[in-house]
Amino acid sequence: MEKSLQEDLKESAKMAKIAYKALEDKMGEDIRILDIHEVSVLADYFVIAHGRNPNHVKALLNEVEEKLAEAGIGGSNKSSAQDVLARLQRQQGE
């Protein structure tokens, strides 16, 4: 049976929250979740965060991947993780 749009959005929101928590746990900066499901066919949510340096950005990415995998998202099930896009970048200036 095919999932309804509401169920799909609920699952996408859960993934975005897992990513947010993982970024928060690793001290990601300026973390934002944007709901883009009405304007994009690529994803339902866009998660944005900054890291202090390249190593921090890599640690953020690893943490998000690990937490999603623990929740059964990603890895061999990568298609389900496509409902959430993430943009991790190094903080400029300062």
PDB file of N, CA and C in Angstrom:
ATOM      1  N   MET A   1       0.838  -1.183   0.000  1.00  0.00           N
ATOM      2  CA  MET A   1       0.000   0.000   0.000  1.00  0.00           C
ATOM      3  C   MET A   1       0.889   1.254   0.000  1.00  0.00           C
ATOM      4  N   GLU A   2       0.574   2.195  -0.826  1.00  0.00           N
ATOM      5  CA  GLU A   2       1.359   3.410  -0.956  1.00  0.00           C
ATOM      6  C   GLU A   2       1.094   4.350   0.223  1.00  0.00           C
ATOM      7  N   LYS A   3       2.181   4.972   0.708  1.00  0.00           N
ATOM      8  CA  LYS A   3       2.029   5.915   1.814  1.00  0.00           C
ATOM      9  C   LYS A   3       1.319   7.171   1.337  1.00  0.00           C
ATOM     10  N   SER A   4       0.506   7.729   2.208  1.00  0.00           N
ATOM     11  CA  SER A   4      -0.165   8.988   1.888  1.00  0.00           C
ATOM     12  C   SER A   4       0.827  10.138   1.999  1.00  0.00           C
ATOM     13  N   LEU A   5       0.471  11.260   1.415  1.00  0.00           N
ATOM     14  CA  LEU A   5       1.316  12.450   1.483  1.00  0.00           C
ATOM     15  C   LEU A   5       1.556  12.853   2.940  1.00  0.00           C
ATOM     16  N   GLN A   6       0.520  12.774   3.761  1.00  0.00           N
ATOM     17  CA  GLN A   6       0.663  13.145   5.179  1.00  0.00           C
ATOM     18  C   GLN A   6       1.659  12.238   5.891  1.00  0.00           C
ATOM     19  N   GLU A   7       1.595  10.930   5.618  1.00  0.00           N
ATOM     20  CA  GLU A   7       2.529   9.994   6.247  1.00  0.00           C
ATOM     21  C   GLU A   7       3.956  10.269   5.783  1.00  0.00           C
ATOM     22  N   ASP A   8       4.099  10.561   4.476  1.00  0.00           N
ATOM     23  CA  ASP A   8       5.410  10.856   3.917  1.00  0.00           C
ATOM     24  C   ASP A   8       5.995  12.119   4.545  1.00  0.00           C
ATOM     25  N   LEU A   9       5.176  13.164   4.695  1.00  0.00           N
ATOM     26  CA  LEU A   9       5.646  14.405   5.319  1.00  0.00           C
ATOM     27  C   LEU A   9       6.011  14.185   6.783  1.00  0.00           C
ATOM     28  N   LYS A  10       5.255  13.353   7.455  1.00  0.00           N
ATOM     29  CA  LYS A  10       5.531  13.055   8.862  1.00  0.00           C
ATOM     30  C   LYS A  10       6.889  12.348   8.994  1.00  0.00           C
ATOM     31  N   GLU A  11       7.150  11.392   8.093  1.00  0.00           N
ATOM     32  CA  GLU A  11       8.431  10.686   8.098  1.00  0.00           C
ATOM     33  C   GLU A  11       9.580  11.634   7.762  1.00  0.00           C
ATOM     34  N   SER A  12       9.363  12.525   6.797  1.00  0.00           N
ATOM     35  CA  SER A  12      10.381  13.503   6.427  1.00  0.00           C
ATOM     36  C   SER A  12      10.680  14.439   7.596  1.00  0.00           C
ATOM     37  N   ALA A  13       9.652  14.877   8.295  1.00  0.00           N
ATOM     38  CA  ALA A  13       9.831  15.752   9.460  1.00  0.00           C
ATOM     39  C   ALA A  13      10.639  15.039  10.544  1.00  0.00           C
ATOM     40  N   LYS A  14      10.376  13.753  10.721  1.00  0.00           N
ATOM     41  CA  LYS A  14      11.130  12.961  11.704  1.00  0.00           C
ATOM     42  C   LYS A  14      12.616  12.930  11.323  1.00  0.00           C
ATOM     43  N   MET A  15      12.910  12.727  10.039  1.00  0.00           N
ATOM     44  CA  MET A  15      14.301  12.713   9.580  1.00  0.00           C
ATOM     45  C   MET A  15      14.972  14.064   9.817  1.00  0.00           C
ATOM     46  N   ALA A  16      14.253  15.144   9.518  1.00  0.00           N
ATOM     47  CA  ALA A  16      14.805  16.482   9.717  1.00  0.00           C
ATOM     48  C   ALA A  16      15.094  16.734  11.198  1.00  0.00           C
ATOM     49  N   LYS A  17      14.214  16.270  12.067  1.00  0.00           N
ATOM     50  CA  LYS A  17      14.424  16.450  13.511  1.00  0.00           C
ATOM     51  C   LYS A  17      15.615  15.641  14.007  1.00  0.00           C
ATOM     52  N   ILE A  18      15.803  14.437  13.467  1.00  0.00           N
ATOM     53  CA  ILE A  18      16.960  13.617  13.832  1.00  0.00           C
ATOM     54  C   ILE A  18      18.239  14.340  13.406  1.00  0.00           C
ATOM     55  N   ALA A  19      18.244  14.878  12.192  1.00  0.00           N
ATOM     56  CA  ALA A  19      19.411  15.612  11.700  1.00  0.00           C
ATOM     57  C   ALA A  19      19.679  16.840  12.569  1.00  0.00           C
ATOM     58  N   TYR A  20      18.617  17.581  12.922  1.00  0.00           N
ATOM     59  CA  TYR A  20      18.762  18.772  13.765  1.00  0.00           C
ATOM     60  C   TYR A  20      19.396  18.400  15.105  1.00  0.00           C
ATOM     61  N   LYS A  21      18.884  17.358  15.733  1.00  0.00           N
ATOM     62  CA  LYS A  21      19.395  16.933  17.045  1.00  0.00           C
ATOM     63  C   LYS A  21      20.858  16.511  16.940  1.00  0.00           C
ATOM     64  N   ALA A  22      21.199  15.784  15.868  1.00  0.00           N
ATOM     65  CA  ALA A  22      22.582  15.356  15.679  1.00  0.00           C
ATOM     66  C   ALA A  22      23.499  16.564  15.521  1.00  0.00           C
ATOM     67  N   LEU A  23      23.070  17.550  14.747  1.00  0.00           N
ATOM     68  CA  LEU A  23      23.862  18.766  14.561  1.00  0.00           C
ATOM     69  C   LEU A  23      24.000  19.541  15.864  1.00  0.00           C
ATOM     70  N   GLU A  24      22.926  19.606  16.608  1.00  0.00           N
ATOM     71  CA  GLU A  24      22.933  20.296  17.897  1.00  0.00           C
ATOM     72  C   GLU A  24      23.893  19.605  18.873  1.00  0.00           C
ATOM     73  N   ASP A  25      23.862  18.265  18.892  1.00  0.00           N
ATOM     74  CA  ASP A  25      24.729  17.495  19.787  1.00  0.00           C
ATOM     75  C   ASP A  25      26.212  17.718  19.494  1.00  0.00           C
ATOM     76  N   LYS A  26      26.545  17.976  18.233  1.00  0.00           N
ATOM     77  CA  LYS A  26      27.939  18.202  17.835  1.00  0.00           C
ATOM     78  C   LYS A  26      28.272  19.690  17.735  1.00  0.00           C
ATOM     79  N   MET A  27      27.441  20.514  18.336  1.00  0.00           N
ATOM     80  CA  MET A  27      27.690  21.954  18.423  1.00  0.00           C
ATOM     81  C   MET A  27      27.656  22.654  17.062  1.00  0.00           C
ATOM     82  N   GLY A  28      26.787  22.195  16.170  1.00  0.00           N
ATOM     83  CA  GLY A  28      26.572  22.905  14.916  1.00  0.00           C
ATOM     84  C   GLY A  28      26.026  24.295  15.220  1.00  0.00           C
ATOM     85  N   GLU A  29      26.313  25.235  14.357  1.00  0.00           N
ATOM     86  CA  GLU A  29      25.901  26.623  14.580  1.00  0.00           C
ATOM     87  C   GLU A  29      24.837  27.034  13.570  1.00  0.00           C
ATOM     88  N   ASP A  30      23.962  27.948  13.976  1.00  0.00           N
ATOM     89  CA  ASP A  30      22.916  28.499  13.095  1.00  0.00           C
ATOM     90  C   ASP A  30      22.110  27.411  12.404  1.00  0.00           C
ATOM     91  N   ILE A  31      21.675  26.410  13.149  1.00  0.00           N
ATOM     92  CA  ILE A  31      20.938  25.279  12.570  1.00  0.00           C
ATOM     93  C   ILE A  31      19.517  25.732  12.240  1.00  0.00           C
ATOM     94  N   ARG A  32      19.101  25.424  11.034  1.00  0.00           N
ATOM     95  CA  ARG A  32      17.751  25.781  10.576  1.00  0.00           C
ATOM     96  C   ARG A  32      17.135  24.600   9.832  1.00  0.00           C
ATOM     97  N   ILE A  33      15.835  24.437   9.981  1.00  0.00           N
ATOM     98  CA  ILE A  33      15.068  23.491   9.175  1.00  0.00           C
ATOM     99  C   ILE A  33      14.063  24.301   8.380  1.00  0.00           C
ATOM    100  N   LEU A  34      14.132  24.173   7.055  1.00  0.00           N
ATOM    101  CA  LEU A  34      13.191  24.868   6.180  1.00  0.00           C
ATOM    102  C   LEU A  34      12.233  23.848   5.577  1.00  0.00           C
ATOM    103  N   ASP A  35      10.947  24.112   5.674  1.00  0.00           N
ATOM    104  CA  ASP A  35       9.929  23.271   5.050  1.00  0.00           C
ATOM    105  C   ASP A  35       9.801  23.718   3.599  1.00  0.00           C
ATOM    106  N   ILE A  36      10.241  22.871   2.676  1.00  0.00           N
ATOM    107  CA  ILE A  36      10.227  23.239   1.258  1.00  0.00           C
ATOM    108  C   ILE A  36       9.317  22.327   0.432  1.00  0.00           C
ATOM    109  N   HIS A  37       8.481  21.542   1.091  1.00  0.00           N
ATOM    110  CA  HIS A  37       7.702  20.544   0.346  1.00  0.00           C
ATOM    111  C   HIS A  37       6.724  21.160  -0.659  1.00  0.00           C
ATOM    112  N   GLU A  38       6.305  22.386  -0.424  1.00  0.00           N
ATOM    113  CA  GLU A  38       5.368  23.023  -1.354  1.00  0.00           C
ATOM    114  C   GLU A  38       6.060  23.698  -2.544  1.00  0.00           C
ATOM    115  N   VAL A  39       7.380  23.869  -2.470  1.00  0.00           N
ATOM    116  CA  VAL A  39       8.091  24.559  -3.544  1.00  0.00           C
ATOM    117  C   VAL A  39       9.169  23.706  -4.209  1.00  0.00           C
ATOM    118  N   SER A  40       9.344  22.469  -3.767  1.00  0.00           N
ATOM    119  CA  SER A  40      10.399  21.633  -4.315  1.00  0.00           C
ATOM    120  C   SER A  40       9.918  20.211  -4.555  1.00  0.00           C
ATOM    121  N   VAL A  41      10.384  19.628  -5.631  1.00  0.00           N
ATOM    122  CA  VAL A  41      10.116  18.214  -5.873  1.00  0.00           C
ATOM    123  C   VAL A  41      11.309  17.369  -5.431  1.00  0.00           C
ATOM    124  N   LEU A  42      12.391  18.024  -5.027  1.00  0.00           N
ATOM    125  CA  LEU A  42      13.596  17.316  -4.619  1.00  0.00           C
ATOM    126  C   LEU A  42      13.542  16.801  -3.186  1.00  0.00           C
ATOM    127  N   ALA A  43      12.910  17.550  -2.302  1.00  0.00           N
ATOM    128  CA  ALA A  43      12.894  17.187  -0.889  1.00  0.00           C
ATOM    129  C   ALA A  43      11.743  17.901  -0.193  1.00  0.00           C
ATOM    130  N   ASP A  44      11.442  17.431   1.017  1.00  0.00           N
ATOM    131  CA  ASP A  44      10.403  18.055   1.827  1.00  0.00           C
ATOM    132  C   ASP A  44      10.983  19.075   2.804  1.00  0.00           C
ATOM    133  N   TYR A  45      12.212  18.820   3.275  1.00  0.00           N
ATOM    134  CA  TYR A  45      12.855  19.704   4.242  1.00  0.00           C
ATOM    135  C   TYR A  45      14.305  19.957   3.840  1.00  0.00           C
ATOM    136  N   PHE A  46      14.801  21.127   4.202  1.00  0.00           N
ATOM    137  CA  PHE A  46      16.182  21.519   3.946  1.00  0.00           C
ATOM    138  C   PHE A  46      16.782  21.892   5.295  1.00  0.00           C
ATOM    139  N   VAL A  47      17.832  21.197   5.704  1.00  0.00           N
ATOM    140  CA  VAL A  47      18.495  21.450   6.981  1.00  0.00           C
ATOM    141  C   VAL A  47      19.805  22.168   6.687  1.00  0.00           C
ATOM    142  N   ILE A  48      20.008  23.297   7.337  1.00  0.00           N
ATOM    143  CA  ILE A  48      21.206  24.123   7.124  1.00  0.00           C
ATOM    144  C   ILE A  48      21.932  24.279   8.458  1.00  0.00           C
ATOM    145  N   ALA A  49      23.259  24.177   8.423  1.00  0.00           N
ATOM    146  CA  ALA A  49      24.055  24.397   9.632  1.00  0.00           C
ATOM    147  C   ALA A  49      25.459  24.838   9.240  1.00  0.00           C
ATOM    148  N   HIS A  50      26.128  25.500  10.168  1.00  0.00           N
ATOM    149  CA  HIS A  50      27.512  25.925   9.991  1.00  0.00           C
ATOM    150  C   HIS A  50      28.393  25.173  10.975  1.00  0.00           C
ATOM    151  N   GLY A  51      29.621  24.931  10.528  1.00  0.00           N
ATOM    152  CA  GLY A  51      30.656  24.383  11.396  1.00  0.00           C
ATOM    153  C   GLY A  51      31.769  25.400  11.528  1.00  0.00           C
ATOM    154  N   ARG A  52      32.599  25.251  12.554  1.00  0.00           N
ATOM    155  CA  ARG A  52      33.654  26.225  12.821  1.00  0.00           C
ATOM    156  C   ARG A  52      34.858  26.081  11.882  1.00  0.00           C
ATOM    157  N   ASN A  53      35.095  24.871  11.397  1.00  0.00           N
ATOM    158  CA  ASN A  53      36.237  24.616  10.512  1.00  0.00           C
ATOM    159  C   ASN A  53      35.940  23.342   9.720  1.00  0.00           C
ATOM    160  N   PRO A  54      36.776  23.001   8.739  1.00  0.00           N
ATOM    161  CA  PRO A  54      36.496  21.817   7.920  1.00  0.00           C
ATOM    162  C   PRO A  54      36.348  20.519   8.720  1.00  0.00           C
ATOM    163  N   ASN A  55      37.159  20.342   9.757  1.00  0.00           N
ATOM    164  CA  ASN A  55      37.046  19.132  10.581  1.00  0.00           C
ATOM    165  C   ASN A  55      35.714  19.089  11.329  1.00  0.00           C
ATOM    166  N   HIS A  56      35.260  20.241  11.780  1.00  0.00           N
ATOM    167  CA  HIS A  56      33.982  20.314  12.482  1.00  0.00           C
ATOM    168  C   HIS A  56      32.838  19.987  11.524  1.00  0.00           C
ATOM    169  N   VAL A  57      32.906  20.504  10.298  1.00  0.00           N
ATOM    170  CA  VAL A  57      31.873  20.220   9.298  1.00  0.00           C
ATOM    171  C   VAL A  57      31.820  18.719   9.012  1.00  0.00           C
ATOM    172  N   LYS A  58      32.990  18.096   8.890  1.00  0.00           N
ATOM    173  CA  LYS A  58      33.035  16.643   8.643  1.00  0.00           C
ATOM    174  C   LYS A  58      32.435  15.880   9.826  1.00  0.00           C
ATOM    175  N   ALA A  59      32.740  16.314  11.045  1.00  0.00           N
ATOM    176  CA  ALA A  59      32.177  15.671  12.235  1.00  0.00           C
ATOM    177  C   ALA A  59      30.653  15.827  12.268  1.00  0.00           C
ATOM    178  N   LEU A  60      30.158  16.989  11.851  1.00  0.00           N
ATOM    179  CA  LEU A  60      28.706  17.207  11.786  1.00  0.00           C
ATOM    180  C   LEU A  60      28.064  16.238  10.802  1.00  0.00           C
ATOM    181  N   LEU A  61      28.656  16.123   9.619  1.00  0.00           N
ATOM    182  CA  LEU A  61      28.136  15.221   8.605  1.00  0.00           C
ATOM    183  C   LEU A  61      28.133  13.780   9.103  1.00  0.00           C
ATOM    184  N   ASN A  62      29.237  13.351   9.707  1.00  0.00           N
ATOM    185  CA  ASN A  62      29.320  11.986  10.228  1.00  0.00           C
ATOM    186  C   ASN A  62      28.260  11.719  11.289  1.00  0.00           C
ATOM    187  N   GLU A  63      28.033  12.690  12.148  1.00  0.00           N
ATOM    188  CA  GLU A  63      27.032  12.532  13.212  1.00  0.00           C
ATOM    189  C   GLU A  63      25.630  12.404  12.631  1.00  0.00           C
ATOM    190  N   VAL A  64      25.311  13.236  11.637  1.00  0.00           N
ATOM    191  CA  VAL A  64      23.989  13.158  11.007  1.00  0.00           C
ATOM    192  C   VAL A  64      23.808  11.791  10.353  1.00  0.00           C
ATOM    193  N   GLU A  65      24.814  11.347   9.596  1.00  0.00           N
ATOM    194  CA  GLU A  65      24.717  10.041   8.937  1.00  0.00           C
ATOM    195  C   GLU A  65      24.554   8.920   9.949  1.00  0.00           C
ATOM    196  N   GLU A  66      25.311   8.985  11.047  1.00  0.00           N
ATOM    197  CA  GLU A  66      25.243   7.953  12.078  1.00  0.00           C
ATOM    198  C   GLU A  66      23.867   7.909  12.737  1.00  0.00           C
ATOM    199  N   LYS A  67      23.336   9.071  13.102  1.00  0.00           N
ATOM    200  CA  LYS A  67      22.032   9.117  13.775  1.00  0.00           C
ATOM    201  C   LYS A  67      20.899   8.671  12.843  1.00  0.00           C
ATOM    202  N   LEU A  68      20.987   9.042  11.561  1.00  0.00           N
ATOM    203  CA  LEU A  68      19.975   8.583  10.608  1.00  0.00           C
ATOM    204  C   LEU A  68      20.065   7.072  10.419  1.00  0.00           C
ATOM    205  N   ALA A  69      21.287   6.549  10.353  1.00  0.00           N
ATOM    206  CA  ALA A  69      21.470   5.097  10.213  1.00  0.00           C
ATOM    207  C   ALA A  69      20.915   4.358  11.428  1.00  0.00           C
ATOM    208  N   GLU A  70      21.153   4.911  12.627  1.00  0.00           N
ATOM    209  CA  GLU A  70      20.609   4.294  13.847  1.00  0.00           C
ATOM    210  C   GLU A  70      19.085   4.256  13.823  1.00  0.00           C
ATOM    211  N   ALA A  71      18.487   5.223  13.131  1.00  0.00           N
ATOM    212  CA  ALA A  71      17.027   5.275  13.019  1.00  0.00           C
ATOM    213  C   ALA A  71      16.526   4.455  11.829  1.00  0.00           C
ATOM    214  N   GLY A  72      17.457   3.764  11.140  1.00  0.00           N
ATOM    215  CA  GLY A  72      17.074   2.937  10.008  1.00  0.00           C
ATOM    216  C   GLY A  72      16.923   3.710   8.712  1.00  0.00           C
ATOM    217  N   ILE A  73      17.541   4.889   8.644  1.00  0.00           N
ATOM    218  CA  ILE A  73      17.455   5.743   7.464  1.00  0.00           C
ATOM    219  C   ILE A  73      18.861   5.906   6.902  1.00  0.00           C
ATOM    220  N   GLY A  74      19.004   5.802   5.605  1.00  0.00           N
ATOM    221  CA  GLY A  74      20.312   5.916   4.980  1.00  0.00           C
ATOM    222  C   GLY A  74      20.938   4.551   4.782  1.00  0.00           C
ATOM    223  N   GLY A  75      22.245   4.508   4.562  1.00  0.00           N
ATOM    224  CA  GLY A  75      22.923   3.244   4.294  1.00  0.00           C
ATOM    225  C   GLY A  75      22.342   2.588   3.062  1.00  0.00           C
ATOM    226  N   SER A  76      21.896   1.345   3.193  1.00  0.00           N
ATOM    227  CA  SER A  76      21.306   0.643   2.053  1.00  0.00           C
ATOM    228  C   SER A  76      19.909   1.161   1.739  1.00  0.00           C
ATOM    229  N   ASN A  77      19.367   2.014   2.605  1.00  0.00           N
ATOM    230  CA  ASN A  77      18.028   2.572   2.431  1.00  0.00           C
ATOM    231  C   ASN A  77      18.120   4.061   2.093  1.00  0.00           C
ATOM    232  N   LYS A  78      19.107   4.454   1.287  1.00  0.00           N
ATOM    233  CA  LYS A  78      19.357   5.870   1.003  1.00  0.00           C
ATOM    234  C   LYS A  78      18.181   6.580   0.359  1.00  0.00           C
ATOM    235  N   SER A  79      17.351   5.859  -0.390  1.00  0.00           N
ATOM    236  CA  SER A  79      16.243   6.541  -1.068  1.00  0.00           C
ATOM    237  C   SER A  79      15.312   7.229  -0.079  1.00  0.00           C
ATOM    238  N   SER A  80      15.144   6.673   1.117  1.00  0.00           N
ATOM    239  CA  SER A  80      14.258   7.308   2.094  1.00  0.00           C
ATOM    240  C   SER A  80      14.867   8.580   2.667  1.00  0.00           C
ATOM    241  N   ALA A  81      16.191   8.704   2.619  1.00  0.00           N
ATOM    242  CA  ALA A  81      16.843   9.895   3.151  1.00  0.00           C
ATOM    243  C   ALA A  81      16.784  11.050   2.159  1.00  0.00           C
ATOM    244  N   GLN A  82      16.284  10.824   0.958  1.00  0.00           N
ATOM    245  CA  GLN A  82      16.226  11.892  -0.036  1.00  0.00           C
ATOM    246  C   GLN A  82      15.114  12.891   0.238  1.00  0.00           C
ATOM    247  N   ASP A  83      14.275  12.650   1.219  1.00  0.00           N
ATOM    248  CA  ASP A  83      13.214  13.583   1.563  1.00  0.00           C
ATOM    249  C   ASP A  83      13.747  14.792   2.324  1.00  0.00           C
ATOM    250  N   VAL A  84      14.995  14.708   2.772  1.00  0.00           N
ATOM    251  CA  VAL A  84      15.617  15.798   3.535  1.00  0.00           C
ATOM    252  C   VAL A  84      16.974  16.111   2.909  1.00  0.00           C
ATOM    253  N   LEU A  85      17.192  17.367   2.546  1.00  0.00           N
ATOM    254  CA  LEU A  85      18.488  17.825   2.052  1.00  0.00           C
ATOM    255  C   LEU A  85      19.203  18.543   3.184  1.00  0.00           C
ATOM    256  N   ALA A  86      20.509  18.402   3.234  1.00  0.00           N
ATOM    257  CA  ALA A  86      21.284  19.093   4.261  1.00  0.00           C
ATOM    258  C   ALA A  86      22.391  19.896   3.604  1.00  0.00           C
ATOM    259  N   ARG A  87      22.637  21.058   4.136  1.00  0.00           N
ATOM    260  CA  ARG A  87      23.738  21.917   3.681  1.00  0.00           C
ATOM    261  C   ARG A  87      24.581  22.250   4.906  1.00  0.00           C
ATOM    262  N   LEU A  88      25.800  21.716   4.948  1.00  0.00           N
ATOM    263  CA  LEU A  88      26.715  21.976   6.051  1.00  0.00           C
ATOM    264  C   LEU A  88      27.888  22.751   5.478  1.00  0.00           C
ATOM    265  N   GLN A  89      28.201  23.874   6.081  1.00  0.00           N
ATOM    266  CA  GLN A  89      29.295  24.689   5.576  1.00  0.00           C
ATOM    267  C   GLN A  89      30.065  25.314   6.711  1.00  0.00           C
ATOM    268  N   ARG A  90      31.296  25.695   6.395  1.00  0.00           N
ATOM    269  CA  ARG A  90      32.157  26.339   7.382  1.00  0.00           C
ATOM    270  C   ARG A  90      31.706  27.779   7.562  1.00  0.00           C
ATOM    271  N   GLN A  91      31.669  28.227   8.793  1.00  0.00           N
ATOM    272  CA  GLN A  91      31.302  29.617   9.109  1.00  0.00           C
ATOM    273  C   GLN A  91      32.345  30.550   8.520  1.00  0.00           C
ATOM    274  N   GLN A  92      31.925  31.550   7.793  1.00  0.00           N
ATOM    275  CA  GLN A  92      32.831  32.519   7.181  1.00  0.00           C
ATOM    276  C   GLN A  92      33.112  33.680   8.120  1.00  0.00           C
ATOM    277  N   GLY A  93      34.262  34.308   7.959  1.00  0.00           N
ATOM    278  CA  GLY A  93      34.585  35.498   8.736  1.00  0.00           C
ATOM    279  C   GLY A  93      35.018  35.182  10.133  1.00  0.00           C
ATOM    280  N   GLU A  94      34.646  36.009  11.021  1.00  0.00           N
ATOM    281  CA  GLU A  94      34.936  35.923  12.452  1.00  0.00           C
ATOM    282  C   GLU A  94      36.373  35.877  12.703  1.00  0.00           C
TER     283      GLU A  94
END
